[in-house]
Amino acid sequence: RFMPRWGILGLGRIAHKFAQDLLTLPDAELYAVAATDAQRAAQFAAQYGVPHAFGRYDGLLTLPDLDVVYIATPHVQHAANTLLCLRGKKAVLCEKPFGMHADEVGQMIETARSENVF
C-alpha cells in the first residue's frame, strides 16, 4: 500500500490546519516541514512529530523520498514556491489562488509538464 510522504512549505495558520487534517489519514505521513526560520520549523516539527524540519524552503528538495509538498505560503508566493518544488521533482498541492495571474499559472503548468511532475 502506497503511503505518500508529505512536506509542508510555509508554516503559518493554514499549515497547522493542514497538518492536523493530514494526521487523521491512515495512508499519509507528514514527513517534512520548511519555513524561513529554522526555530519555527523545529517547533512545528516537534508539535506534530515530523522527522525533518528545515529553515529554508529548498531544504525539502534534499529529501529523495519526499513525495508531495503542500504550499502554505502567502498567495503572492505560490508561484515561486510551486516552481521551486516542481523543478526539484516534487509533486505539489497548491490551493487557490494557484497564481496571481495567468502567466504565472501557465508557467507552473508548463514546468509540471516538462518536469513530468504532478
Protein backbone atom coordinates (compact mmCIF):
# COMPACT_ATOMS: atom_id res chain seq x y z
CA ARG A 1 0.00 0.00 0.00
CA PHE A 2 1.38 3.40 -1.01
CA MET A 3 1.69 5.89 1.84
CA PRO A 4 2.76 9.27 0.46
CA ARG A 5 5.25 11.28 2.47
CA TRP A 6 4.10 14.90 2.67
CA GLY A 7 6.01 18.09 3.20
CA ILE A 8 4.62 21.47 4.12
CA LEU A 9 6.30 24.60 2.77
CA GLY A 10 5.41 27.65 4.89
CA LEU A 11 4.25 27.18 8.45
CA GLY A 12 1.51 29.70 9.20
CA ARG A 13 -2.05 29.16 10.37
CA ILE A 14 -3.21 27.16 7.34
CA ALA A 15 -0.21 24.83 7.70
CA HIS A 16 -1.35 23.90 11.21
CA LYS A 17 -4.83 23.11 9.91
CA PHE A 18 -3.41 21.02 7.07
CA ALA A 19 -1.09 19.14 9.45
CA GLN A 20 -3.95 18.38 11.84
CA ASP A 21 -6.09 17.08 8.99
CA LEU A 22 -3.27 15.07 7.40
CA LEU A 23 -2.60 13.30 10.69
CA THR A 24 -6.13 11.86 10.60
CA LEU A 25 -5.37 9.94 7.40
CA PRO A 26 -4.06 6.38 7.85
CA ASP A 27 -2.38 6.35 4.42
CA ALA A 28 -0.34 9.57 4.64
CA GLU A 29 2.73 10.66 6.56
CA LEU A 30 3.70 14.20 7.49
CA TYR A 31 7.39 13.78 6.75
CA ALA A 32 8.97 17.23 6.47
CA VAL A 33 8.32 20.91 7.05
CA ALA A 34 10.10 24.05 5.91
CA ALA A 35 9.95 27.67 6.99
CA THR A 36 12.18 30.68 6.53
CA ASP A 37 13.11 30.36 10.22
CA ALA A 38 14.79 27.16 11.49
CA GLN A 39 13.46 27.56 15.03
CA ARG A 40 9.90 27.91 13.81
CA ALA A 41 10.34 24.82 11.64
CA ALA A 42 11.76 22.83 14.56
CA GLN A 43 8.88 23.87 16.83
CA PHE A 44 6.29 22.93 14.21
CA ALA A 45 8.01 19.58 13.62
CA ALA A 46 8.09 18.84 17.35
CA GLN A 47 4.41 19.71 17.74
CA TYR A 48 3.35 17.25 15.01
CA GLY A 49 6.05 14.58 15.29
CA VAL A 50 7.61 15.41 11.93
CA PRO A 51 11.04 13.82 11.35
CA HIS A 52 12.52 16.53 9.08
CA ALA A 53 12.49 20.32 9.60
CA PHE A 54 14.26 22.95 7.54
CA GLY A 55 14.87 26.67 7.97
CA ARG A 56 14.92 27.06 4.17
CA TYR A 57 12.29 26.10 1.67
CA ASP A 58 14.74 24.34 -0.62
CA GLY A 59 15.63 22.00 2.24
CA LEU A 60 12.62 19.92 1.24
CA LEU A 61 14.32 19.19 -2.08
CA THR A 62 17.15 17.35 -0.30
CA LEU A 63 14.82 14.51 0.68
CA PRO A 64 14.67 11.96 -2.14
CA ASP A 65 11.81 10.06 -0.51
CA LEU A 66 9.51 13.09 -0.06
CA ASP A 67 6.55 12.57 -2.40
CA VAL A 68 4.45 15.72 -2.33
CA VAL A 69 4.60 19.26 -0.95
CA TYR A 70 1.67 21.33 0.27
CA ILE A 71 2.27 25.02 -0.41
CA ALA A 72 1.12 27.01 2.64
CA THR A 73 2.77 30.36 1.96
CA PRO A 74 1.04 33.69 1.25
CA HIS A 75 -0.74 33.81 -2.12
CA VAL A 76 1.82 36.09 -3.75
CA GLN A 77 4.49 33.43 -3.17
CA HIS A 78 2.52 30.45 -4.51
CA ALA A 79 4.00 30.51 -8.00
CA ALA A 80 7.65 30.84 -6.91
CA ASN A 81 7.27 28.15 -4.25
CA THR A 82 5.43 25.78 -6.57
CA LEU A 83 8.06 26.25 -9.28
CA LEU A 84 10.83 25.57 -6.76
CA CYS A 85 9.25 22.24 -5.85
CA LEU A 86 8.36 21.23 -9.40
CA ARG A 87 11.90 21.92 -10.59
CA GLY A 88 13.09 19.78 -7.67
CA LYS A 89 10.91 16.92 -8.95
CA LYS A 90 8.39 17.15 -6.10
CA ALA A 91 4.66 16.88 -6.70
CA VAL A 92 2.71 19.89 -5.40
CA LEU A 93 -0.66 20.65 -3.86
CA CYS A 94 -1.20 24.39 -4.20
CA GLU A 95 -4.60 25.79 -3.36
CA LYS A 96 -6.23 28.96 -4.57
CA PRO A 97 -5.18 31.26 -5.78
CA PHE A 98 -2.93 28.98 -7.73
CA GLY A 99 -1.11 32.00 -9.14
CA MET A 100 -1.61 35.73 -9.12
CA HIS A 101 -2.19 35.96 -12.89
CA ALA A 102 -2.50 33.75 -15.97
CA ASP A 103 1.20 34.00 -16.89
CA GLU A 104 2.22 32.51 -13.52
CA VAL A 105 -0.30 29.72 -13.86
CA GLY A 106 0.87 28.96 -17.39
CA GLN A 107 4.48 28.78 -16.23
CA MET A 108 3.54 26.45 -13.38
CA ILE A 109 1.60 24.13 -15.69
CA GLU A 110 4.35 24.09 -18.30
CA THR A 111 7.00 23.35 -15.67
CA ALA A 112 4.93 20.49 -14.24
CA ARG A 113 4.60 19.03 -17.72
CA SER A 114 8.25 19.47 -18.67
CA GLU A 115 9.46 18.01 -15.36
CA ASN A 116 6.81 15.25 -15.56
CA VAL A 117 5.63 16.06 -12.02
CA PHE A 118 2.05 16.32 -10.76
